[in-house]
C-alpha atoms as a PDB file:
ATOM      1  CA  UNK A   1      32.515 -11.966 -70.877  1.00  0.00           C
ATOM      2  CA  UNK A   2      29.249 -13.258 -69.392  1.00  0.00           C
ATOM      3  CA  UNK A   3      26.838 -14.624 -71.987  1.00  0.00           C
ATOM      4  CA  UNK A   4      23.452 -12.940 -71.879  1.00  0.00           C
ATOM      5  CA  UNK A   5      20.267 -15.014 -71.741  1.00  0.00           C
ATOM      6  CA  UNK A   6      19.099 -15.847 -75.249  1.00  0.00           C
ATOM      7  CA  UNK A   7      15.366 -15.237 -75.517  1.00  0.00           C
ATOM      8  CA  UNK A   8      12.895 -15.926 -78.312  1.00  0.00           C
ATOM      9  CA  UNK A   9      10.757 -12.829 -78.872  1.00  0.00           C
ATOM     10  CA  UNK A  10       7.377 -13.326 -80.579  1.00  0.00           C
ATOM     11  CA  UNK A  11       6.899 -10.899 -83.452  1.00  0.00           C
ATOM     12  CA  UNK A  12       3.118 -10.978 -82.972  1.00  0.00           C
ATOM     13  CA  UNK A  13       3.559  -8.598 -80.023  1.00  0.00           C
ATOM     14  CA  UNK A  14       5.852  -6.137 -81.803  1.00  0.00           C
ATOM     15  CA  UNK A  15       4.915  -2.492 -81.386  1.00  0.00           C
ATOM     16  CA  UNK A  16       2.706  -2.964 -78.324  1.00  0.00           C
ATOM     17  CA  UNK A  17       3.876  -0.323 -75.857  1.00  0.00           C
ATOM     18  CA  UNK A  18       5.168  -1.633 -72.565  1.00  0.00           C
ATOM     19  CA  UNK A  19       4.503  -5.285 -73.360  1.00  0.00           C
ATOM     20  CA  UNK A  20       7.287  -7.757 -72.595  1.00  0.00           C
ATOM     21  CA  UNK A  21       6.988 -11.318 -73.857  1.00  0.00           C
ATOM     22  CA  UNK A  22       9.330 -14.138 -74.690  1.00  0.00           C
ATOM     23  CA  UNK A  23      10.481 -17.701 -74.243  1.00  0.00           C
ATOM     24  CA  UNK A  24      13.818 -18.555 -72.707  1.00  0.00           C
ATOM     25  CA  UNK A  25      16.269 -20.950 -74.318  1.00  0.00           C
ATOM     26  CA  UNK A  26      18.952 -22.984 -72.601  1.00  0.00           C
ATOM     27  CA  UNK A  27      21.618 -20.403 -73.482  1.00  0.00           C
ATOM     28  CA  UNK A  28      22.994 -17.703 -71.193  1.00  0.00           C
ATOM     29  CA  UNK A  29      23.027 -19.174 -67.697  1.00  0.00           C
ATOM     30  CA  UNK A  30      25.453 -20.669 -65.188  1.00  0.00           C
ATOM     31  CA  UNK A  31      24.238 -24.254 -64.724  1.00  0.00           C
ATOM     32  CA  UNK A  32      26.449 -27.223 -65.574  1.00  0.00           C
ATOM     33  CA  UNK A  33      25.521 -30.227 -67.717  1.00  0.00           C
ATOM     34  CA  UNK A  34      22.930 -31.699 -68.082  1.00  0.00           C
ATOM     35  CA  UNK A  35      21.238 -28.445 -67.049  1.00  0.00           C
ATOM     36  CA  UNK A  36      23.502 -26.226 -69.104  1.00  0.00           C
ATOM     37  CA  UNK A  37      23.081 -23.470 -68.927  1.00  0.00           C
ATOM     38  CA  UNK A  38      19.964 -21.320 -68.387  1.00  0.00           C
ATOM     39  CA  UNK A  39      17.958 -23.818 -66.370  1.00  0.00           C
ATOM     40  CA  UNK A  40      15.010 -22.034 -64.720  1.00  0.00           C
ATOM     41  CA  UNK A  41      13.471 -25.112 -63.121  1.00  0.00           C
ATOM     42  CA  UNK A  42      13.554 -25.216 -59.321  1.00  0.00           C
ATOM     43  CA  UNK A  43      12.101 -28.736 -59.291  1.00  0.00           C
ATOM     44  CA  UNK A  44      15.133 -30.195 -61.079  1.00  0.00           C
ATOM     45  CA  UNK A  45      18.235 -31.689 -59.425  1.00  0.00           C
ATOM     46  CA  UNK A  46      20.294 -28.692 -60.492  1.00  0.00           C
ATOM     47  CA  UNK A  47      22.157 -26.711 -57.829  1.00  0.00           C
ATOM     48  CA  UNK A  48      19.586 -24.287 -56.418  1.00  0.00           C
ATOM     49  CA  UNK A  49      22.078 -21.425 -56.313  1.00  0.00           C
ATOM     50  CA  UNK A  50      22.590 -21.808 -60.067  1.00  0.00           C
ATOM     51  CA  UNK A  51      18.852 -21.766 -60.733  1.00  0.00           C
ATOM     52  CA  UNK A  52      18.479 -18.682 -58.544  1.00  0.00           C
ATOM     53  CA  UNK A  53      21.206 -16.872 -60.477  1.00  0.00           C
ATOM     54  CA  UNK A  54      19.666 -17.953 -63.787  1.00  0.00           C
ATOM     55  CA  UNK A  55      16.274 -16.562 -62.777  1.00  0.00           C
ATOM     56  CA  UNK A  56      17.849 -13.283 -61.711  1.00  0.00           C
ATOM     57  CA  UNK A  57      19.703 -12.914 -65.021  1.00  0.00           C
ATOM     58  CA  UNK A  58      16.683 -13.840 -67.099  1.00  0.00           C
ATOM     59  CA  UNK A  59      14.289 -11.464 -65.320  1.00  0.00           C
ATOM     60  CA  UNK A  60      16.739  -8.577 -65.342  1.00  0.00           C
ATOM     61  CA  UNK A  61      17.309  -9.011 -69.075  1.00  0.00           C
ATOM     62  CA  UNK A  62      13.582  -8.339 -69.520  1.00  0.00           C
ATOM     63  CA  UNK A  63      13.443  -5.370 -67.157  1.00  0.00           C
ATOM     64  CA  UNK A  64      11.851  -7.231 -64.234  1.00  0.00           C
ATOM     65  CA  UNK A  65      12.960  -8.513 -60.842  1.00  0.00           C
ATOM     66  CA  UNK A  66      12.376 -12.033 -59.563  1.00  0.00           C
ATOM     67  CA  UNK A  67      10.018 -10.551 -56.950  1.00  0.00           C
ATOM     68  CA  UNK A  68       7.691  -9.440 -59.763  1.00  0.00           C
ATOM     69  CA  UNK A  69       7.325 -12.987 -61.092  1.00  0.00           C
ATOM     70  CA  UNK A  70       3.994 -14.803 -60.851  1.00  0.00           C
ATOM     71  CA  UNK A  71       4.264 -18.559 -61.234  1.00  0.00           C
ATOM     72  CA  UNK A  72       2.614 -21.723 -60.032  1.00  0.00           C
ATOM     73  CA  UNK A  73       3.495 -25.334 -59.416  1.00  0.00           C
ATOM     74  CA  UNK A  74       1.830 -26.754 -62.517  1.00  0.00           C
ATOM     75  CA  UNK A  75      -0.200 -29.954 -62.263  1.00  0.00           C
ATOM     76  CA  UNK A  76      -1.553 -30.431 -65.830  1.00  0.00           C
ATOM     77  CA  UNK A  77      -4.948 -29.062 -64.812  1.00  0.00           C
ATOM     78  CA  UNK A  78      -7.411 -26.551 -66.244  1.00  0.00           C
ATOM     79  CA  UNK A  79      -7.170 -24.242 -63.225  1.00  0.00           C
ATOM     80  CA  UNK A  80      -6.640 -20.533 -63.893  1.00  0.00           C
ATOM     81  CA  UNK A  81      -5.321 -17.909 -61.490  1.00  0.00           C
ATOM     82  CA  UNK A  82      -6.177 -14.216 -61.750  1.00  0.00           C
ATOM     83  CA  UNK A  83      -2.993 -12.728 -60.292  1.00  0.00           C
ATOM     84  CA  UNK A  84      -2.759  -9.421 -58.461  1.00  0.00           C
ATOM     85  CA  UNK A  85       0.740  -9.727 -56.999  1.00  0.00           C
ATOM     86  CA  UNK A  86       3.985 -11.582 -57.492  1.00  0.00           C
ATOM     87  CA  UNK A  87       4.611 -14.912 -55.799  1.00  0.00           C
ATOM     88  CA  UNK A  88       4.550 -18.683 -56.124  1.00  0.00           C
ATOM     89  CA  UNK A  89       1.221 -20.477 -56.174  1.00  0.00           C
ATOM     90  CA  UNK A  90       0.046 -24.065 -56.270  1.00  0.00           C
ATOM     91  CA  UNK A  91      -2.089 -25.973 -58.739  1.00  0.00           C
ATOM     92  CA  UNK A  92      -2.629 -23.497 -61.583  1.00  0.00           C
ATOM     93  CA  UNK A  93      -1.681 -24.076 -65.215  1.00  0.00           C
ATOM     94  CA  UNK A  94      -2.792 -20.692 -66.532  1.00  0.00           C
ATOM     95  CA  UNK A  95      -2.165 -17.219 -65.140  1.00  0.00           C
ATOM     96  CA  UNK A  96      -4.047 -14.038 -66.046  1.00  0.00           C
ATOM     97  CA  UNK A  97      -3.523 -10.438 -64.942  1.00  0.00           C
ATOM     98  CA  UNK A  98      -4.429  -6.860 -65.742  1.00  0.00           C
ATOM     99  CA  UNK A  99      -1.892  -5.545 -63.241  1.00  0.00           C
ATOM    100  CA  UNK A 100       1.220  -3.846 -64.644  1.00  0.00           C
ATOM    101  CA  UNK A 101       4.747  -4.737 -63.535  1.00  0.00           C
ATOM    102  CA  UNK A 102       4.005  -8.421 -63.021  1.00  0.00           C
ATOM    103  CA  UNK A 103       5.716 -11.110 -65.081  1.00  0.00           C
ATOM    104  CA  UNK A 104       3.510 -14.154 -65.685  1.00  0.00           C
ATOM    105  CA  UNK A 105       5.558 -17.342 -66.049  1.00  0.00           C
ATOM    106  CA  UNK A 106       4.883 -20.878 -67.242  1.00  0.00           C
ATOM    107  CA  UNK A 107       7.604 -23.517 -67.161  1.00  0.00           C
ATOM    108  CA  UNK A 108       8.062 -26.125 -69.901  1.00  0.00           C
ATOM    109  CA  UNK A 109      10.453 -28.697 -71.316  1.00  0.00           C
ATOM    110  CA  UNK A 110       8.235 -30.145 -74.107  1.00  0.00           C
ATOM    111  CA  UNK A 111       4.702 -29.019 -73.175  1.00  0.00           C
ATOM    112  CA  UNK A 112       3.107 -26.142 -75.064  1.00  0.00           C
ATOM    113  CA  UNK A 113       3.443 -22.598 -73.688  1.00  0.00           C
ATOM    114  CA  UNK A 114       0.818 -20.142 -74.930  1.00  0.00           C
ATOM    115  CA  UNK A 115       0.962 -16.388 -74.326  1.00  0.00           C
ATOM    116  CA  UNK A 116      -2.119 -14.190 -74.790  1.00  0.00           C
ATOM    117  CA  UNK A 117      -2.566 -10.434 -74.816  1.00  0.00           C
ATOM    118  CA  UNK A 118      -5.590  -8.188 -75.093  1.00  0.00           C
ATOM    119  CA  UNK A 119      -4.137  -4.801 -76.138  1.00  0.00           C
ATOM    120  CA  UNK A 120      -7.415  -2.940 -75.615  1.00  0.00           C
ATOM    121  CA  UNK A 121      -7.844  -3.828 -71.939  1.00  0.00           C
ATOM    122  CA  UNK A 122      -4.155  -4.619 -71.347  1.00  0.00           C
ATOM    123  CA  UNK A 123      -4.776  -8.135 -70.066  1.00  0.00           C
ATOM    124  CA  UNK A 124      -2.027 -10.779 -70.207  1.00  0.00           C
ATOM    125  CA  UNK A 125      -2.175 -14.557 -69.900  1.00  0.00           C
ATOM    126  CA  UNK A 126       0.393 -17.336 -69.782  1.00  0.00           C
ATOM    127  CA  UNK A 127      -0.753 -20.925 -70.257  1.00  0.00           C
ATOM    128  CA  UNK A 128       0.916 -24.321 -69.783  1.00  0.00           C
ATOM    129  CA  UNK A 129      -0.690 -26.994 -71.969  1.00  0.00           C
ATOM    130  CA  UNK A 130       0.608 -30.535 -72.002  1.00  0.00           C
ATOM    131  CA  UNK A 131      -1.591 -33.194 -73.544  1.00  0.00           C
ATOM    132  CA  UNK A 132      -3.811 -33.219 -70.444  1.00  0.00           C
ATOM    133  CA  UNK A 133      -4.248 -29.451 -70.432  1.00  0.00           C
ATOM    134  CA  UNK A 134      -4.949 -29.538 -74.151  1.00  0.00           C
ATOM    135  CA  UNK A 135      -7.648 -32.174 -73.692  1.00  0.00           C
ATOM    136  CA  UNK A 136      -9.112 -30.139 -70.817  1.00  0.00           C
ATOM    137  CA  UNK A 137      -9.213 -27.127 -73.184  1.00  0.00           C
ATOM    138  CA  UNK A 138      -7.303 -24.861 -70.840  1.00  0.00           C
ATOM    139  CA  UNK A 139      -6.640 -22.434 -73.711  1.00  0.00           C
ATOM    140  CA  UNK A 140     -10.350 -22.076 -74.494  1.00  0.00           C
ATOM    141  CA  UNK A 141     -11.137 -21.621 -70.804  1.00  0.00           C
ATOM    142  CA  UNK A 142      -8.484 -18.940 -70.391  1.00  0.00           C
ATOM    143  CA  UNK A 143      -9.855 -16.937 -73.311  1.00  0.00           C
ATOM    144  CA  UNK A 144     -13.346 -17.267 -71.806  1.00  0.00           C
ATOM    145  CA  UNK A 145     -12.099 -16.039 -68.431  1.00  0.00           C
ATOM    146  CA  UNK A 146     -10.514 -12.997 -70.059  1.00  0.00           C
ATOM    147  CA  UNK A 147     -13.852 -12.264 -71.703  1.00  0.00           C
ATOM    148  CA  UNK A 148     -15.892 -12.686 -68.518  1.00  0.00           C
ATOM    149  CA  UNK A 149     -13.631 -10.905 -66.030  1.00  0.00           C
ATOM    150  CA  UNK A 150     -12.041  -8.171 -68.129  1.00  0.00           C
ATOM    151  CA  UNK A 151     -14.361  -7.656 -71.092  1.00  0.00           C
ATOM    152  CA  UNK A 152     -11.758  -8.884 -73.558  1.00  0.00           C
ATOM    153  CA  UNK A 153     -12.917  -9.537 -77.115  1.00  0.00           C
ATOM    154  CA  UNK A 154     -11.188 -12.583 -78.631  1.00  0.00           C
ATOM    155  CA  UNK A 155     -10.927 -10.977 -82.062  1.00  0.00           C
ATOM    156  CA  UNK A 156      -8.718  -8.296 -80.516  1.00  0.00           C
ATOM    157  CA  UNK A 157      -6.428 -10.762 -78.739  1.00  0.00           C
ATOM    158  CA  UNK A 158      -2.973 -11.754 -79.936  1.00  0.00           C
ATOM    159  CA  UNK A 159      -1.475 -15.155 -79.189  1.00  0.00           C
ATOM    160  CA  UNK A 160       1.877 -16.890 -79.315  1.00  0.00           C
ATOM    161  CA  UNK A 161       2.205 -20.671 -79.311  1.00  0.00           C
ATOM    162  CA  UNK A 162       5.762 -21.292 -78.178  1.00  0.00           C
ATOM    163  CA  UNK A 163       8.407 -23.894 -78.886  1.00  0.00           C
ATOM    164  CA  UNK A 164       7.390 -27.364 -77.698  1.00  0.00           C
ATOM    165  CA  UNK A 165       7.677 -30.960 -78.819  1.00  0.00           C
ATOM    166  CA  UNK A 166       6.425 -31.312 -82.396  1.00  0.00           C
ATOM    167  CA  UNK A 167       4.079 -34.079 -83.462  1.00  0.00           C
ATOM    168  CA  UNK A 168       6.875 -36.010 -85.199  1.00  0.00           C
ATOM    169  CA  UNK A 169       8.340 -36.849 -81.771  1.00  0.00           C
ATOM    170  CA  UNK A 170       5.257 -36.899 -79.564  1.00  0.00           C
ATOM    171  CA  UNK A 171       4.325 -40.569 -79.632  1.00  0.00           C
ATOM    172  CA  UNK A 172       1.630 -41.633 -77.163  1.00  0.00           C
ATOM    173  CA  UNK A 173      -0.415 -44.720 -76.387  1.00  0.00           C
ATOM    174  CA  UNK A 174      -3.990 -45.499 -77.427  1.00  0.00           C
ATOM    175  CA  UNK A 175      -5.314 -44.314 -74.044  1.00  0.00           C
ATOM    176  CA  UNK A 176      -4.129 -40.798 -74.968  1.00  0.00           C
ATOM    177  CA  UNK A 177      -4.941 -40.963 -78.672  1.00  0.00           C
ATOM    178  CA  UNK A 178      -8.601 -41.664 -77.947  1.00  0.00           C
ATOM    179  CA  UNK A 179      -8.899 -38.262 -76.293  1.00  0.00           C
ATOM    180  CA  UNK A 180      -7.921 -36.351 -79.473  1.00  0.00           C
ATOM    181  CA  UNK A 181      -9.745 -35.748 -82.724  1.00  0.00           C
ATOM    182  CA  UNK A 182      -8.337 -37.855 -85.544  1.00  0.00           C
ATOM    183  CA  UNK A 183      -7.154 -34.778 -87.479  1.00  0.00           C
ATOM    184  CA  UNK A 184      -4.495 -34.195 -84.804  1.00  0.00           C
ATOM    185  CA  UNK A 185      -3.255 -37.798 -84.928  1.00  0.00           C
ATOM    186  CA  UNK A 186      -0.831 -39.415 -87.372  1.00  0.00           C
ATOM    187  CA  UNK A 187       1.147 -42.598 -87.995  1.00  0.00           C
ATOM    188  CA  UNK A 188      -0.814 -45.017 -85.819  1.00  0.00           C
ATOM    189  CA  UNK A 189       0.967 -48.345 -85.355  1.00  0.00           C
ATOM    190  CA  UNK A 190      -1.614 -51.094 -85.768  1.00  0.00           C
ATOM    191  CA  UNK A 191       0.261 -53.514 -83.554  1.00  0.00           C
ATOM    192  CA  UNK A 192       0.960 -51.265 -80.549  1.00  0.00           C
ATOM    193  CA  UNK A 193      -1.864 -48.807 -81.058  1.00  0.00           C
ATOM    194  CA  UNK A 194       0.558 -45.945 -80.542  1.00  0.00           C
ATOM    195  CA  UNK A 195       0.528 -42.798 -82.645  1.00  0.00           C
ATOM    196  CA  UNK A 196       1.627 -39.195 -82.807  1.00  0.00           C
ATOM    197  CA  UNK A 197      -0.299 -36.134 -81.600  1.00  0.00           C
ATOM    198  CA  UNK A 198       0.029 -32.543 -82.841  1.00  0.00           C
ATOM    199  CA  UNK A 199      -0.307 -30.378 -79.734  1.00  0.00           C
ATOM    200  CA  UNK A 200       0.476 -27.132 -81.541  1.00  0.00           C
ATOM    201  CA  UNK A 201      -2.335 -27.647 -84.051  1.00  0.00           C
ATOM    202  CA  UNK A 202      -4.808 -28.698 -81.382  1.00  0.00           C
ATOM    203  CA  UNK A 203      -4.172 -25.597 -79.280  1.00  0.00           C
ATOM    204  CA  UNK A 204      -4.230 -23.332 -82.316  1.00  0.00           C
ATOM    205  CA  UNK A 205      -7.645 -24.750 -83.184  1.00  0.00           C
ATOM    206  CA  UNK A 206      -8.866 -23.899 -79.682  1.00  0.00           C
ATOM    207  CA  UNK A 207      -7.744 -20.299 -80.129  1.00  0.00           C
ATOM    208  CA  UNK A 208      -9.533 -20.037 -83.466  1.00  0.00           C
ATOM    209  CA  UNK A 209     -12.696 -21.645 -82.091  1.00  0.00           C
ATOM    210  CA  UNK A 210     -12.614 -19.167 -79.201  1.00  0.00           C
ATOM    211  CA  UNK A 211     -12.732 -16.279 -81.667  1.00  0.00           C
ATOM    212  CA  UNK A 212      -9.129 -15.277 -82.295  1.00  0.00           C
ATOM    213  CA  UNK A 213      -8.210 -14.565 -85.890  1.00  0.00           C
ATOM    214  CA  UNK A 214      -5.507 -16.550 -87.662  1.00  0.00           C
ATOM    215  CA  UNK A 215      -3.581 -13.341 -88.396  1.00  0.00           C
ATOM    216  CA  UNK A 216      -3.339 -12.707 -84.645  1.00  0.00           C
ATOM    217  CA  UNK A 217      -1.771 -16.089 -83.863  1.00  0.00           C
ATOM    218  CA  UNK A 218       1.940 -16.815 -84.158  1.00  0.00           C
ATOM    219  CA  UNK A 219       3.204 -20.386 -83.821  1.00  0.00           C
ATOM    220  CA  UNK A 220       6.858 -21.066 -83.112  1.00  0.00           C
ATOM    221  CA  UNK A 221       8.561 -23.162 -85.798  1.00  0.00           C
ATOM    222  CA  UNK A 222      10.881 -24.729 -83.231  1.00  0.00           C
ATOM    223  CA  UNK A 223      10.719 -28.232 -81.764  1.00  0.00           C
ATOM    224  CA  UNK A 224      12.220 -28.697 -78.311  1.00  0.00           C
ATOM    225  CA  UNK A 225      13.079 -32.345 -79.008  1.00  0.00           C
ATOM    226  CA  UNK A 226      14.901 -31.604 -82.275  1.00  0.00           C
ATOM    227  CA  UNK A 227      17.036 -28.667 -81.136  1.00  0.00           C
ATOM    228  CA  UNK A 228      19.253 -29.810 -78.256  1.00  0.00           C
ATOM    229  CA  UNK A 229      21.503 -26.762 -78.677  1.00  0.00           C
ATOM    230  CA  UNK A 230      18.664 -24.328 -78.017  1.00  0.00           C
ATOM    231  CA  UNK A 231      16.114 -26.169 -75.859  1.00  0.00           C
ATOM    232  CA  UNK A 232      15.667 -28.529 -72.949  1.00  0.00           C
ATOM    233  CA  UNK A 233      13.481 -31.564 -73.727  1.00  0.00           C
ATOM    234  CA  UNK A 234      12.101 -33.858 -71.052  1.00  0.00           C
ATOM    235  CA  UNK A 235      11.414 -36.651 -73.513  1.00  0.00           C
ATOM    236  CA  UNK A 236      14.686 -36.422 -75.454  1.00  0.00           C
ATOM    237  CA  UNK A 237      16.780 -36.218 -72.287  1.00  0.00           C
ATOM    238  CA  UNK A 238      14.709 -38.814 -70.412  1.00  0.00           C
ATOM    239  CA  UNK A 239      13.779 -36.474 -67.598  1.00  0.00           C
ATOM    240  CA  UNK A 240      17.313 -35.349 -66.737  1.00  0.00           C
ATOM    241  CA  UNK A 241      17.048 -31.848 -68.087  1.00  0.00           C
ATOM    242  CA  UNK A 242      16.255 -28.202 -67.294  1.00  0.00           C
ATOM    243  CA  UNK A 243      13.222 -26.009 -67.839  1.00  0.00           C
ATOM    244  CA  UNK A 244      12.461 -22.985 -69.991  1.00  0.00           C
ATOM    245  CA  UNK A 245      10.200 -20.108 -69.017  1.00  0.00           C
ATOM    246  CA  UNK A 246       7.642 -18.465 -71.276  1.00  0.00           C
ATOM    247  CA  UNK A 247       6.693 -15.061 -69.927  1.00  0.00           C
ATOM    248  CA  UNK A 248       4.481 -12.043 -70.512  1.00  0.00           C
ATOM    249  CA  UNK A 249       3.916  -8.797 -68.643  1.00  0.00           C
ATOM    250  CA  UNK A 250       3.499  -5.040 -68.953  1.00  0.00           C
ATOM    251  CA  UNK A 251       6.011  -2.512 -67.688  1.00  0.00           C
ATOM    252  CA  UNK A 252       4.647   0.891 -66.660  1.00  0.00           C
END
């Protein structure tokens, strides 16, 4: 029997008619080790035919086709695309749409995926925030774009901060630490100057500062580094690993 893709479904979006949202795990695909098994990353050294089959299975399990996917080659920027049709784009780390039957996708293997939804105006967003995107405040800028272009009110928005590398494993050098407020930094080594950064907390703070309410924000308890059975992790696996997709879209 073929294993079905195992998908994390945010409860924050429960009960919203037509909305589809989730984060893939590494379970339920056809790829062999070290990409076992639901690797959705085309930029990896995995067999492309396996990745293609994985994408097909994942999308179909959500009620979409691969042709309805909107994704971009991510470059750790603050660039945001307002999408009107499916396809692959270049240079965007956040995707926004009001169009139904499109599946917005961001790809991660430790970075923070954030999904946003305005249920009043039916506007979706998917955001990829590594440490660079976090510093560039891509989450704040995406909320602002939803306000400006679609009339979204942040207090009405719902957000999901997906599984990513937790602060206990995200050690960085002083050149990165200096870009973050001290409240998001812990365990600085006086000799090396290295310390640990909490990306989840930093992005949650951006959502709150943008006007979302704490009751409308769900943060995944999972750490990609810690859970090798469930997640790919670029840092844990030293780059030889797959990618997960975090997705959001409306079916009509």
